[in-house]
N, C-alpha and C. Protein backbone atom coordinates (compact mmCIF):
# COMPACT_ATOMS: atom_id res chain seq x y z
N MET A 1 41.57 -9.55 -0.41
CA MET A 1 40.42 -9.94 -0.45
C MET A 1 39.84 -11.10 0.17
N ALA A 2 41.10 -11.53 1.37
CA ALA A 2 41.06 -12.33 1.73
C ALA A 2 39.17 -12.08 3.25
N TRP A 3 39.57 -10.33 3.37
CA TRP A 3 38.61 -9.56 3.99
C TRP A 3 37.08 -9.88 3.29
N LEU A 4 37.07 -9.60 1.96
CA LEU A 4 36.30 -9.90 1.51
C LEU A 4 35.42 -11.32 1.09
N ARG A 5 36.30 -12.23 1.65
CA ARG A 5 35.70 -13.40 1.48
C ARG A 5 34.86 -13.77 2.27
N ALA A 6 35.98 -13.48 3.87
CA ALA A 6 35.64 -13.23 4.89
C ALA A 6 34.14 -12.92 5.25
N ASN A 7 33.46 -11.77 4.90
CA ASN A 7 32.63 -10.59 4.86
C ASN A 7 31.88 -10.66 3.99
N TRP A 8 31.64 -11.54 2.84
CA TRP A 8 31.03 -11.53 1.81
C TRP A 8 29.64 -11.52 2.26
N PHE A 9 28.82 -12.25 2.93
CA PHE A 9 27.40 -12.16 3.36
C PHE A 9 27.48 -10.54 3.61
N VAL A 10 27.91 -10.05 4.85
CA VAL A 10 27.75 -9.00 5.31
C VAL A 10 27.66 -8.10 4.46
N VAL A 11 29.05 -7.92 3.15
CA VAL A 11 28.66 -6.91 2.11
C VAL A 11 27.28 -7.13 1.16
N LEU A 12 27.00 -8.03 1.27
CA LEU A 12 26.05 -8.57 0.12
C LEU A 12 25.08 -8.08 0.72
N ALA A 13 25.01 -8.07 1.60
CA ALA A 13 23.10 -7.70 2.73
C ALA A 13 22.94 -6.57 3.17
N HIS A 14 24.32 -5.87 3.41
CA HIS A 14 24.38 -4.34 3.38
C HIS A 14 23.64 -3.13 2.29
N ALA A 15 24.37 -4.05 1.08
CA ALA A 15 24.02 -3.24 -0.29
C ALA A 15 23.23 -3.77 -0.73
N GLY A 16 22.26 -4.67 -0.45
CA GLY A 16 20.82 -4.94 -0.95
C GLY A 16 19.41 -4.42 -0.09
N ALA A 17 20.41 -4.20 1.57
CA ALA A 17 19.86 -3.44 2.45
C ALA A 17 19.24 -1.76 1.63
N TRP A 18 20.55 -1.49 1.15
CA TRP A 18 20.42 -0.14 0.69
C TRP A 18 19.69 0.10 -0.76
N LEU A 19 19.95 -1.06 -1.72
CA LEU A 19 19.54 -1.04 -3.30
C LEU A 19 18.21 -0.56 -3.32
N PRO A 20 16.94 -0.93 -2.48
CA PRO A 20 15.52 -0.41 -2.22
C PRO A 20 15.51 0.86 -2.66
N LEU A 21 16.27 1.98 -1.81
CA LEU A 21 15.93 3.18 -1.08
C LEU A 21 16.79 4.19 -2.24
N ILE A 22 18.06 2.96 -2.83
CA ILE A 22 18.67 3.42 -4.38
C ILE A 22 17.67 3.84 -5.44
N VAL A 23 16.88 2.50 -6.00
CA VAL A 23 16.57 2.74 -6.81
C VAL A 23 14.64 3.60 -6.39
N LEU A 24 14.43 3.22 -5.49
CA LEU A 24 13.08 4.67 -5.21
C LEU A 24 14.02 5.77 -5.73
N ALA A 25 15.04 6.66 -5.10
CA ALA A 25 15.44 7.53 -5.51
C ALA A 25 15.34 7.70 -7.05
N TRP A 26 15.95 6.58 -7.40
CA TRP A 26 16.51 6.86 -9.09
C TRP A 26 15.18 7.33 -9.23
N ASP A 27 13.70 5.72 -9.39
CA ASP A 27 12.41 6.71 -9.85
C ASP A 27 11.77 7.58 -10.14
N VAL A 28 12.39 8.19 -8.20
CA VAL A 28 11.83 9.81 -8.16
C VAL A 28 12.50 10.86 -9.24
N THR A 29 14.28 10.65 -8.99
CA THR A 29 14.60 11.66 -10.01
C THR A 29 14.18 11.19 -11.43
N ARG A 30 13.94 10.08 -11.93
CA ARG A 30 13.21 10.08 -13.47
C ARG A 30 12.13 9.95 -13.84
N GLY A 31 10.74 9.99 -12.70
CA GLY A 31 9.94 10.76 -13.00
C GLY A 31 9.42 9.02 -13.33
N ASN A 32 10.04 7.61 -12.76
CA ASN A 32 9.24 6.52 -13.28
C ASN A 32 8.15 6.00 -12.60
N LEU A 33 7.70 7.05 -11.56
CA LEU A 33 6.44 6.27 -10.18
C LEU A 33 5.54 6.27 -10.72
N SER A 34 3.87 5.99 -10.57
CA SER A 34 3.24 5.82 -11.01
C SER A 34 2.33 7.20 -10.93
N VAL A 35 0.97 7.33 -11.22
CA VAL A 35 0.62 8.26 -11.62
C VAL A 35 0.02 9.22 -9.78
N ASN A 36 0.31 8.31 -8.97
CA ASN A 36 -0.18 8.89 -7.39
C ASN A 36 1.14 8.47 -6.51
N PRO A 37 2.22 9.21 -6.89
CA PRO A 37 3.77 9.29 -6.45
C PRO A 37 3.99 9.12 -5.27
N ILE A 38 3.20 9.93 -4.15
CA ILE A 38 3.50 10.11 -3.39
C ILE A 38 2.53 8.69 -2.78
N GLN A 39 1.77 7.90 -2.83
CA GLN A 39 0.87 6.75 -2.56
C GLN A 39 2.05 5.49 -2.93
N ASP A 40 3.13 5.67 -3.98
CA ASP A 40 4.15 4.41 -4.49
C ASP A 40 5.04 4.78 -3.42
N ILE A 41 5.07 6.38 -3.33
CA ILE A 41 6.22 6.13 -2.34
C ILE A 41 6.57 5.18 -1.30
N THR A 42 5.11 5.88 -0.62
CA THR A 42 4.18 5.92 0.70
C THR A 42 4.56 4.00 0.83
N PHE A 43 3.86 3.22 0.29
CA PHE A 43 3.89 1.73 0.09
C PHE A 43 5.19 1.07 -0.49
N ARG A 44 6.21 1.89 -0.97
CA ARG A 44 7.05 1.09 -1.65
C ARG A 44 7.95 1.12 -0.09
N THR A 45 7.92 1.82 0.36
CA THR A 45 8.80 2.58 2.14
C THR A 45 7.91 1.30 2.89
N GLY A 46 7.34 1.61 3.09
CA GLY A 46 6.27 0.63 4.03
C GLY A 46 6.55 -0.97 4.08
N LYS A 47 6.53 -0.92 2.37
CA LYS A 47 7.77 -2.99 2.10
C LYS A 47 8.32 -2.99 2.46
N PHE A 48 9.24 -1.50 2.33
CA PHE A 48 10.80 -2.15 2.76
C PHE A 48 11.00 -2.42 4.09
N ALA A 49 10.31 -1.75 4.76
CA ALA A 49 10.30 -1.71 6.34
C ALA A 49 9.97 -3.33 6.74
N LEU A 50 8.70 -3.40 6.31
CA LEU A 50 8.40 -4.97 6.81
C LEU A 50 8.98 -5.92 6.10
N LEU A 51 9.98 -5.72 4.98
CA LEU A 51 11.24 -6.75 4.83
C LEU A 51 12.90 -6.70 5.68
N MET A 52 12.81 -5.44 5.95
CA MET A 52 13.38 -5.10 6.74
C MET A 52 13.62 -6.21 7.49
N LEU A 53 11.94 -5.69 8.64
CA LEU A 53 12.09 -6.35 9.95
C LEU A 53 11.90 -7.87 10.39
N MET A 54 11.89 -8.49 9.23
CA MET A 54 11.10 -9.73 8.83
C MET A 54 12.92 -10.78 9.00
N LEU A 55 13.59 -9.92 8.16
CA LEU A 55 14.81 -10.29 7.77
C LEU A 55 15.31 -10.27 9.21
N SER A 56 15.57 -9.13 9.54
CA SER A 56 16.19 -8.48 11.29
C SER A 56 15.75 -10.48 12.50
N LEU A 57 14.28 -10.58 12.11
CA LEU A 57 13.66 -11.95 13.13
C LEU A 57 14.08 -12.87 12.76
N ALA A 58 14.74 -13.38 11.37
CA ALA A 58 15.11 -14.31 10.35
C ALA A 58 16.57 -14.82 10.62
N CYS A 59 17.25 -13.70 10.87
CA CYS A 59 18.41 -14.16 11.39
C CYS A 59 19.07 -14.72 12.10
N THR A 60 18.24 -14.75 13.43
CA THR A 60 18.69 -16.42 14.84
C THR A 60 18.35 -17.13 14.35
N PRO A 61 16.62 -17.68 13.37
CA PRO A 61 16.10 -18.71 13.62
C PRO A 61 16.93 -19.14 12.34
N VAL A 62 17.74 -18.90 11.65
CA VAL A 62 18.54 -19.29 10.21
C VAL A 62 19.72 -19.72 10.44
N HIS A 63 20.49 -19.13 11.67
CA HIS A 63 21.52 -19.41 12.51
C HIS A 63 21.00 -20.46 13.39
N THR A 64 19.76 -21.20 14.04
CA THR A 64 19.93 -21.80 14.64
C THR A 64 19.62 -23.23 13.86
N VAL A 65 18.97 -22.97 12.88
CA VAL A 65 18.68 -23.87 11.94
C VAL A 65 19.92 -24.28 11.31
N ALA A 66 20.14 -23.54 10.40
CA ALA A 66 21.33 -23.46 9.19
C ALA A 66 22.63 -23.82 9.77
N GLY A 67 22.81 -23.21 11.60
CA GLY A 67 24.42 -22.84 11.44
C GLY A 67 24.86 -21.93 10.67
N PHE A 68 24.47 -20.93 10.40
CA PHE A 68 24.66 -19.49 9.83
C PHE A 68 24.85 -18.77 10.38
N ARG A 69 26.14 -18.55 10.39
CA ARG A 69 26.78 -17.45 11.70
C ARG A 69 26.69 -16.26 11.02
N PRO A 70 27.12 -15.60 10.61
CA PRO A 70 27.42 -14.54 9.76
C PRO A 70 25.85 -14.04 9.89
N ALA A 71 24.65 -14.43 9.69
CA ALA A 71 23.47 -14.19 9.45
C ALA A 71 23.38 -13.47 11.05
N LEU A 72 24.31 -13.43 11.91
CA LEU A 72 24.12 -13.16 13.38
C LEU A 72 24.21 -11.66 13.36
N ARG A 73 25.01 -11.67 12.34
CA ARG A 73 25.74 -10.14 12.53
C ARG A 73 25.29 -9.32 11.82
N MET A 74 24.09 -9.52 10.85
CA MET A 74 23.40 -8.67 10.43
C MET A 74 21.67 -8.59 10.85
N ARG A 75 21.66 -8.83 12.20
CA ARG A 75 20.65 -8.86 13.15
C ARG A 75 20.20 -7.63 13.51
N LYS A 76 20.93 -7.07 13.87
CA LYS A 76 21.22 -4.97 14.87
C LYS A 76 21.09 -4.84 13.28
N TRP A 77 21.73 -5.37 11.97
CA TRP A 77 21.34 -4.01 10.85
C TRP A 77 20.58 -4.00 9.85
N PHE A 78 20.23 -5.42 10.56
CA PHE A 78 18.32 -5.38 9.89
C PHE A 78 17.44 -4.64 10.27
N GLY A 79 17.48 -4.40 11.48
CA GLY A 79 16.59 -3.83 12.43
C GLY A 79 16.28 -2.20 12.29
N LEU A 80 18.00 -2.05 11.94
CA LEU A 80 17.87 -0.69 11.70
C LEU A 80 17.48 -0.29 10.50
N TYR A 81 18.09 -1.05 9.54
CA TYR A 81 17.25 -0.96 8.20
C TYR A 81 15.42 -0.40 8.41
N ALA A 82 14.97 -1.90 9.21
CA ALA A 82 13.56 -1.65 9.13
C ALA A 82 13.15 -0.05 10.05
N PHE A 83 13.62 0.22 10.73
CA PHE A 83 13.39 1.77 11.21
C PHE A 83 13.76 2.96 10.51
N LEU A 84 14.76 2.50 9.76
CA LEU A 84 14.85 3.96 8.75
C LEU A 84 13.50 3.52 7.18
N TYR A 85 14.01 2.83 6.59
CA TYR A 85 12.63 2.68 6.10
C TYR A 85 11.27 2.72 6.68
N ALA A 86 10.85 2.59 8.29
CA ALA A 86 9.42 2.97 8.77
C ALA A 86 9.16 4.80 8.87
N ALA A 87 11.09 5.14 9.17
CA ALA A 87 10.70 6.54 9.67
C ALA A 87 10.60 7.23 8.42
N LEU A 88 11.26 6.49 6.96
CA LEU A 88 10.67 7.58 5.46
C LEU A 88 9.48 7.34 5.82
N HIS A 89 8.50 6.03 6.00
CA HIS A 89 7.33 5.64 5.18
C HIS A 89 6.35 6.77 5.91
N PHE A 90 6.93 7.01 7.23
CA PHE A 90 6.37 8.09 8.06
C PHE A 90 6.14 8.75 7.96
N LEU A 91 7.46 9.99 7.15
CA LEU A 91 7.39 10.89 6.80
C LEU A 91 6.71 11.30 5.95
N VAL A 92 6.72 10.62 4.64
CA VAL A 92 6.26 10.56 3.63
C VAL A 92 4.91 11.02 3.56
N PHE A 93 4.76 10.01 4.33
CA PHE A 93 2.22 10.17 5.12
C PHE A 93 2.73 11.49 5.64
N SER A 94 3.59 11.77 6.88
CA SER A 94 3.24 13.54 7.57
C SER A 94 3.41 14.51 6.39
N VAL A 95 4.52 14.61 5.80
CA VAL A 95 5.42 15.93 5.35
C VAL A 95 4.63 15.76 3.85
N LEU A 96 4.83 15.07 2.71
CA LEU A 96 4.63 14.54 1.77
C LEU A 96 2.82 14.50 1.49
N ASP A 97 2.42 13.55 2.25
CA ASP A 97 0.68 13.74 2.15
C ASP A 97 0.32 14.86 2.88
N PHE A 98 0.62 15.01 3.99
CA PHE A 98 -0.17 15.39 4.73
C PHE A 98 0.29 16.72 4.94
N GLY A 99 1.13 17.51 4.67
CA GLY A 99 1.84 18.97 4.92
C GLY A 99 2.69 18.93 6.43
N LEU A 100 2.66 17.92 7.03
CA LEU A 100 2.94 18.84 8.19
C LEU A 100 1.74 19.17 9.06
N ASP A 101 0.57 19.01 8.54
CA ASP A 101 -1.28 19.97 9.36
C ASP A 101 -0.94 18.41 10.23
N TRP A 102 -0.18 18.93 11.40
CA TRP A 102 -0.34 17.93 12.72
C TRP A 102 -2.10 17.70 13.04
N GLY A 103 -3.18 18.91 13.09
CA GLY A 103 -4.59 18.78 13.48
C GLY A 103 -5.07 16.99 12.02
N LEU A 104 -4.72 17.72 10.94
CA LEU A 104 -5.13 16.40 10.09
C LEU A 104 -4.55 15.01 10.40
N ILE A 105 -3.07 15.86 10.64
CA ILE A 105 -2.55 14.07 11.16
C ILE A 105 -3.51 12.72 11.98
N GLN A 106 -3.37 13.91 13.22
CA GLN A 106 -4.31 13.29 14.15
C GLN A 106 -5.18 12.97 14.27
N ARG A 107 -6.18 13.54 13.36
CA ARG A 107 -7.55 13.06 12.68
C ARG A 107 -7.40 11.43 12.19
N GLU A 108 -7.11 11.62 11.28
CA GLU A 108 -6.83 10.59 10.77
C GLU A 108 -5.88 9.08 11.67
N ILE A 109 -5.43 9.36 12.73
CA ILE A 109 -4.63 8.54 13.10
C ILE A 109 -5.89 8.35 14.12
N VAL A 110 -6.78 8.93 14.23
CA VAL A 110 -7.90 8.22 15.57
C VAL A 110 -8.86 7.62 14.23
N GLU A 111 -9.16 8.14 12.98
CA GLU A 111 -10.12 8.12 12.04
C GLU A 111 -9.64 6.69 11.42
N LYS A 112 -8.48 5.93 11.27
CA LYS A 112 -7.93 4.42 10.82
C LYS A 112 -7.47 3.89 11.27
N ARG A 113 -7.84 2.71 11.21
CA ARG A 113 -6.81 2.07 12.69
C ARG A 113 -5.59 1.66 12.01
N TYR A 114 -5.58 1.37 10.56
CA TYR A 114 -4.32 0.85 9.92
C TYR A 114 -3.32 1.77 10.50
N ILE A 115 -3.83 3.08 10.76
CA ILE A 115 -2.74 4.57 10.87
C ILE A 115 -1.74 4.02 12.33
N LEU A 116 -3.13 3.52 12.51
CA LEU A 116 -2.82 3.59 14.28
C LEU A 116 -1.80 2.67 14.62
N ALA A 117 -1.97 1.13 14.00
CA ALA A 117 -1.30 0.28 14.46
C ALA A 117 0.30 0.91 13.80
N GLY A 118 0.00 1.44 12.17
CA GLY A 118 1.94 1.44 12.20
C GLY A 118 2.07 1.92 13.13
N LEU A 119 1.65 3.61 13.38
CA LEU A 119 2.62 4.18 14.09
C LEU A 119 2.92 3.83 15.86
N ALA A 120 2.03 2.85 16.04
CA ALA A 120 2.57 1.77 17.38
C ALA A 120 3.85 1.11 17.08
N ALA A 121 3.87 0.85 15.73
CA ALA A 121 4.46 -0.34 15.75
C ALA A 121 6.46 0.82 15.50
N LEU A 122 5.97 2.20 15.07
CA LEU A 122 7.11 2.68 15.04
C LEU A 122 7.76 3.23 16.50
N LEU A 123 6.74 3.56 17.41
CA LEU A 123 7.01 3.84 18.74
C LEU A 123 7.40 2.71 19.20
N ILE A 124 7.27 1.73 19.01
CA ILE A 124 8.05 0.69 18.94
C ILE A 124 9.97 -0.21 19.09
N LEU A 125 10.03 0.60 17.71
CA LEU A 125 10.72 0.99 17.07
C LEU A 125 12.18 2.01 17.81
N ILE A 126 11.88 3.42 17.99
CA ILE A 126 12.65 3.90 18.35
C ILE A 126 13.52 3.73 19.07
N PRO A 127 12.88 3.08 20.34
CA PRO A 127 13.35 3.18 21.43
C PRO A 127 15.13 1.77 21.17
N LEU A 128 14.57 0.67 20.78
CA LEU A 128 15.16 -0.59 19.95
C LEU A 128 16.25 -0.16 18.81
N ALA A 129 16.10 1.23 18.82
CA ALA A 129 16.96 1.50 17.38
C ALA A 129 18.19 2.12 18.26
N ILE A 130 16.85 2.95 18.77
CA ILE A 130 18.13 4.25 20.20
C ILE A 130 19.56 2.74 21.13
N THR A 131 18.66 2.51 21.20
CA THR A 131 19.59 1.16 22.02
C THR A 131 20.57 0.02 21.62
N SER A 132 20.57 -0.13 20.47
CA SER A 132 21.45 -1.42 19.77
C SER A 132 22.58 -1.12 19.63
N THR A 133 23.05 0.10 20.35
CA THR A 133 24.67 -0.30 19.99
C THR A 133 24.86 -1.42 21.47
N LYS A 134 26.53 -1.18 21.17
CA LYS A 134 27.11 -2.49 22.87
C LYS A 134 26.73 -2.01 23.69
N GLY A 135 27.30 0.00 23.77
CA GLY A 135 27.39 0.64 24.57
C GLY A 135 26.04 0.78 26.27
N TRP A 136 24.65 0.95 25.01
CA TRP A 136 23.86 0.60 25.70
C TRP A 136 22.84 -0.97 25.98
N GLN A 137 24.01 -1.70 25.51
CA GLN A 137 23.76 -2.87 25.97
C GLN A 137 23.97 -3.62 27.45
N ARG A 138 25.38 -2.81 27.49
CA ARG A 138 26.04 -2.84 28.92
C ARG A 138 24.88 -1.86 29.51
N ARG A 139 25.01 -0.47 29.67
CA ARG A 139 23.82 -0.44 30.34
C ARG A 139 22.92 -0.98 30.97
N LEU A 140 22.27 -1.31 30.22
CA LEU A 140 20.55 -2.19 30.32
C LEU A 140 21.01 -3.20 31.02
N GLY A 141 21.36 -4.00 30.62
CA GLY A 141 22.41 -5.22 31.09
C GLY A 141 21.13 -5.92 30.66
N LYS A 142 20.58 -6.58 31.55
CA LYS A 142 19.05 -7.88 31.55
C LYS A 142 17.94 -6.80 30.68
N THR A 143 17.41 -5.69 31.20
CA THR A 143 16.81 -5.29 30.69
C THR A 143 16.31 -4.96 29.71
N TRP A 144 17.70 -4.66 28.83
CA TRP A 144 17.98 -4.67 27.59
C TRP A 144 17.12 -5.92 26.39
N LYS A 145 17.62 -7.40 27.22
CA LYS A 145 16.74 -7.88 26.21
C LYS A 145 15.39 -7.77 26.42
N ARG A 146 14.66 -7.52 27.27
CA ARG A 146 13.55 -7.62 27.83
C ARG A 146 12.64 -6.77 26.69
N LEU A 147 13.70 -5.40 27.20
CA LEU A 147 13.74 -4.61 26.01
C LEU A 147 13.22 -5.07 24.62
N HIS A 148 14.52 -5.23 23.96
CA HIS A 148 14.14 -5.77 22.30
C HIS A 148 13.35 -6.86 22.22
N ARG A 149 12.71 -7.48 23.34
CA ARG A 149 11.53 -8.97 23.08
C ARG A 149 10.51 -7.96 22.19
N PHE A 150 10.22 -6.83 22.49
CA PHE A 150 9.41 -6.05 21.81
C PHE A 150 9.21 -5.74 20.59
N VAL A 151 9.88 -6.26 20.01
CA VAL A 151 10.39 -6.51 18.41
C VAL A 151 9.55 -7.52 17.56
N TYR A 152 8.70 -8.63 18.81
CA TYR A 152 7.83 -9.26 18.50
C TYR A 152 6.45 -8.22 18.48
N LEU A 153 6.43 -7.13 18.99
CA LEU A 153 5.22 -7.11 18.86
C LEU A 153 5.09 -5.94 17.72
N ALA A 154 5.95 -5.18 17.21
CA ALA A 154 6.05 -4.73 16.34
C ALA A 154 6.13 -5.30 15.21
N GLY A 155 6.70 -6.51 14.95
CA GLY A 155 6.42 -7.30 13.94
C GLY A 155 4.91 -7.70 13.63
N ALA A 156 4.00 -7.76 14.74
CA ALA A 156 2.70 -8.32 14.78
C ALA A 156 1.77 -7.20 14.27
N LEU A 157 2.27 -6.14 15.31
CA LEU A 157 1.50 -4.23 14.60
C LEU A 157 1.74 -4.00 13.22
N VAL A 158 2.50 -4.37 12.42
CA VAL A 158 3.33 -4.38 10.81
C VAL A 158 2.10 -4.76 10.19
N ILE A 159 2.06 -6.58 10.59
CA ILE A 159 1.35 -6.86 9.28
C ILE A 159 -0.35 -6.75 9.88
N LEU A 160 -0.79 -6.25 11.55
CA LEU A 160 -1.79 -5.54 11.12
C LEU A 160 -2.56 -4.95 10.80
N HIS A 161 -1.51 -3.71 10.47
CA HIS A 161 -1.46 -2.55 10.25
C HIS A 161 -1.36 -2.69 8.32
N TYR A 162 -0.24 -3.62 8.13
CA TYR A 162 -0.94 -4.61 6.38
C TYR A 162 -2.66 -4.92 5.98
N VAL A 163 -2.80 -5.64 6.82
CA VAL A 163 -4.45 -6.20 6.65
C VAL A 163 -5.45 -5.04 6.66
N TRP A 164 -5.09 -4.21 7.25
CA TRP A 164 -6.51 -2.78 8.08
C TRP A 164 -6.92 -2.11 6.38
N LEU A 165 -4.69 -2.44 6.36
CA LEU A 165 -4.69 -1.22 5.48
C LEU A 165 -5.64 -1.60 3.99
N VAL A 166 -5.02 -3.29 3.57
CA VAL A 166 -5.82 -3.45 2.57
C VAL A 166 -6.79 -3.99 2.91
N LYS A 167 -7.71 -3.91 4.09
CA LYS A 167 -9.57 -4.03 3.48
C LYS A 167 -9.66 -5.69 3.04
N ALA A 168 -9.25 -5.68 1.81
CA ALA A 168 -9.97 -6.88 1.08
C ALA A 168 -9.37 -7.89 0.51
N ASP A 169 -8.44 -7.40 -0.34
CA ASP A 169 -7.31 -8.74 -0.86
C ASP A 169 -6.28 -8.79 0.28
N VAL A 170 -6.35 -9.74 1.37
CA VAL A 170 -5.40 -9.59 2.42
C VAL A 170 -4.32 -11.05 2.90
N ARG A 171 -4.20 -11.62 1.26
CA ARG A 171 -3.76 -12.57 0.65
C ARG A 171 -2.09 -12.18 1.37
N GLU A 172 -1.53 -11.36 0.27
CA GLU A 172 0.21 -11.30 0.68
C GLU A 172 0.02 -10.03 1.87
N PRO A 173 -0.59 -9.88 2.71
CA PRO A 173 -0.09 -9.26 4.14
C PRO A 173 -0.27 -10.75 5.60
N LEU A 174 -1.34 -11.59 4.68
CA LEU A 174 -1.22 -12.86 5.51
C LEU A 174 0.01 -14.24 5.02
N ILE A 175 0.38 -14.15 4.26
CA ILE A 175 1.81 -14.79 3.87
C ILE A 175 2.91 -14.58 4.18
N TRP A 176 2.99 -12.37 4.98
CA TRP A 176 3.76 -12.07 5.68
C TRP A 176 3.70 -12.86 7.26
N GLY A 177 2.57 -12.76 7.52
CA GLY A 177 1.85 -12.89 8.76
C GLY A 177 2.34 -14.30 9.13
N GLY A 178 2.11 -15.21 8.22
CA GLY A 178 2.59 -17.02 8.61
C GLY A 178 4.14 -16.91 8.39
N VAL A 179 4.70 -15.96 7.65
CA VAL A 179 5.82 -16.16 7.55
C VAL A 179 6.46 -15.58 8.85
N LEU A 180 6.23 -14.46 9.59
CA LEU A 180 6.40 -13.66 10.83
C LEU A 180 5.84 -15.09 11.75
N ALA A 181 4.68 -15.62 11.82
CA ALA A 181 4.08 -16.93 13.04
C ALA A 181 5.26 -17.83 12.73
N ILE A 182 6.26 -18.24 12.37
CA ILE A 182 7.45 -19.58 11.39
C ILE A 182 8.41 -18.60 12.13
N LEU A 183 8.92 -17.45 12.18
CA LEU A 183 9.95 -17.03 12.85
C LEU A 183 10.09 -17.02 14.60
N LEU A 184 8.39 -16.71 14.70
CA LEU A 184 8.22 -16.70 16.45
C LEU A 184 8.11 -18.16 16.61
N PHE A 185 8.22 -19.12 15.94
CA PHE A 185 7.62 -20.35 16.40
C PHE A 185 9.43 -20.87 16.46
N LEU A 186 10.09 -20.64 15.53
CA LEU A 186 11.44 -20.96 16.03
C LEU A 186 12.46 -20.59 16.58
N ARG A 187 12.10 -19.25 17.36
CA ARG A 187 12.10 -19.12 18.52
C ARG A 187 11.62 -19.46 20.14
N ILE A 188 10.63 -19.92 19.79
CA ILE A 188 10.54 -20.89 21.24
C ILE A 188 11.92 -21.88 22.07
N PRO A 189 11.89 -21.37 23.25
CA PRO A 189 13.46 -22.46 23.64
C PRO A 189 13.46 -23.98 23.62
N ARG A 190 12.10 -24.76 23.29
CA ARG A 190 12.07 -25.95 23.01
C ARG A 190 12.41 -26.30 21.61
N VAL A 191 11.73 -25.58 20.79
CA VAL A 191 12.17 -25.70 19.36
C VAL A 191 13.60 -25.33 19.00
N ARG A 192 13.87 -24.15 19.66
CA ARG A 192 15.25 -23.73 19.36
C ARG A 192 16.41 -24.83 19.03
N ALA A 193 16.30 -25.25 20.54
CA ALA A 193 16.53 -26.10 21.42
C ALA A 193 16.74 -27.83 20.35
N PHE A 194 15.30 -28.29 20.20
CA PHE A 194 15.76 -28.85 19.22
C PHE A 194 16.13 -29.50 17.83
N PHE A 195 16.67 -27.80 17.52
CA PHE A 195 17.07 -27.92 16.23
C PHE A 195 18.49 -27.07 16.35
N SER A 196 19.09 -26.96 17.08
CA SER A 196 20.38 -26.48 17.37
C SER A 196 21.07 -28.22 17.77
N ASN A 197 20.44 -29.26 18.27
CA ASN A 197 20.85 -30.42 18.40
C ASN A 197 20.77 -30.86 17.47
N ALA A 198 19.52 -30.98 16.84
CA ALA A 198 19.74 -31.77 15.66
C ALA A 198 20.66 -31.30 14.57
N ARG A 199 21.21 -29.97 14.35
CA ARG A 199 22.70 -29.58 13.39
C ARG A 199 23.80 -29.70 13.76
N GLN A 200 23.78 -30.22 15.66
CA GLN A 200 25.13 -30.59 15.75
C GLN A 200 25.60 -31.86 15.92
N ARG A 201 23.97 -32.73 15.89
CA ARG A 201 24.47 -34.69 15.30
C ARG A 201 24.60 -34.34 14.12
N ALA A 202 24.06 -33.49 13.00
CA ALA A 202 24.46 -33.73 11.98
C ALA A 202 26.07 -33.53 11.57
N VAL A 203 26.72 -32.32 12.52
CA VAL A 203 27.73 -31.90 11.94
C VAL A 203 28.65 -32.85 12.31
N ALA A 204 28.52 -33.84 13.51
CA ALA A 204 29.00 -34.95 14.20
C ALA A 204 29.06 -36.07 13.55
N ALA A 205 28.19 -36.00 12.82
CA ALA A 205 28.07 -37.62 12.16
C ALA A 205 28.97 -37.71 10.65
N ARG A 206 28.93 -35.63 10.55
CA ARG A 206 29.27 -35.75 8.68
C ARG A 206 31.45 -35.54 8.65
N ALA A 207 31.22 -35.50 10.40
CA ALA A 207 32.57 -35.36 10.81
C ALA A 207 33.18 -36.58 11.06
N SER A 208 32.52 -37.13 11.53
CA SER A 208 32.82 -38.83 12.10
C SER A 208 33.15 -39.71 10.29
N ARG A 209 32.12 -39.44 9.38
CA ARG A 209 32.17 -40.15 7.93
C ARG A 209 33.49 -39.80 7.65
N ARG A 210 33.68 -38.12 7.99
CA ARG A 210 35.08 -37.60 7.39
C ARG A 210 36.42 -38.80 8.09
N LEU A 211 36.25 -39.06 9.30
CA LEU A 211 37.28 -39.66 10.27
C LEU A 211 37.55 -41.33 9.54
N LYS A 212 36.54 -41.81 9.47
CA LYS A 212 36.52 -43.09 9.26
C LYS A 212 36.95 -43.51 8.36
N PRO A 213 38.02 -44.50 8.23
CA PRO A 213 38.92 -44.98 7.54
C PRO A 213 38.63 -45.93 6.32
N HIS A 214 39.09 -45.94 5.09
CA HIS A 214 38.39 -47.06 4.27
C HIS A 214 38.89 -48.21 4.24
N ARG A 215 38.31 -48.58 4.03
CA ARG A 215 38.59 -50.16 4.14
C ARG A 215 39.13 -50.46 2.63
N PRO A 216 40.04 -51.34 2.94
CA PRO A 216 40.68 -51.62 0.99
C PRO A 216 39.83 -52.96 0.92
N VAL A 217 39.46 -52.39 -0.74
CA VAL A 217 38.75 -53.51 -1.78
C VAL A 217 39.42 -54.83 -1.76
């Protein structure tokens, strides 16, 4: 029970990350999809990949602004879940939709720019997922950080993929783009330092108030 109290956020976050896939599998087996099931699965896996990627990018800003340290423990895992859903998204497109007809797939990638943007994002996530372990971090040294900064480019490409996909009503992808912009803004060193210092001052002020003796009435 003590372990669960100490790790409640990590347990909840992992469960929440698997839940969309479980619900999707349930809907597939129960026939609860739309009249175009392949399109439904493609859209849902893509949306889950976007959500997980945003959550991964949000972990550091959440810790910086709110001091919520457990979020840092999920940063890598949310990134891996983003890759999982992105890979499923591409598999549905290439296997279920196009039957692994590589000639047809290549033509679609060339003709439709939103597919090209999504594929570029997936190709960026592949090496990031492979090198996400501590072993790779030790092997790559300073290069590891430079490599994993490409996740920001992947995020921008995913937003672009979404905007080009919907074509007309771009309100939702632009909202996601706004979220990405805020998360990237909070990662600017000076902004990050400002919020970190403000949080530390707030913690020190609260501690000072608790230690201050009460005057007798």
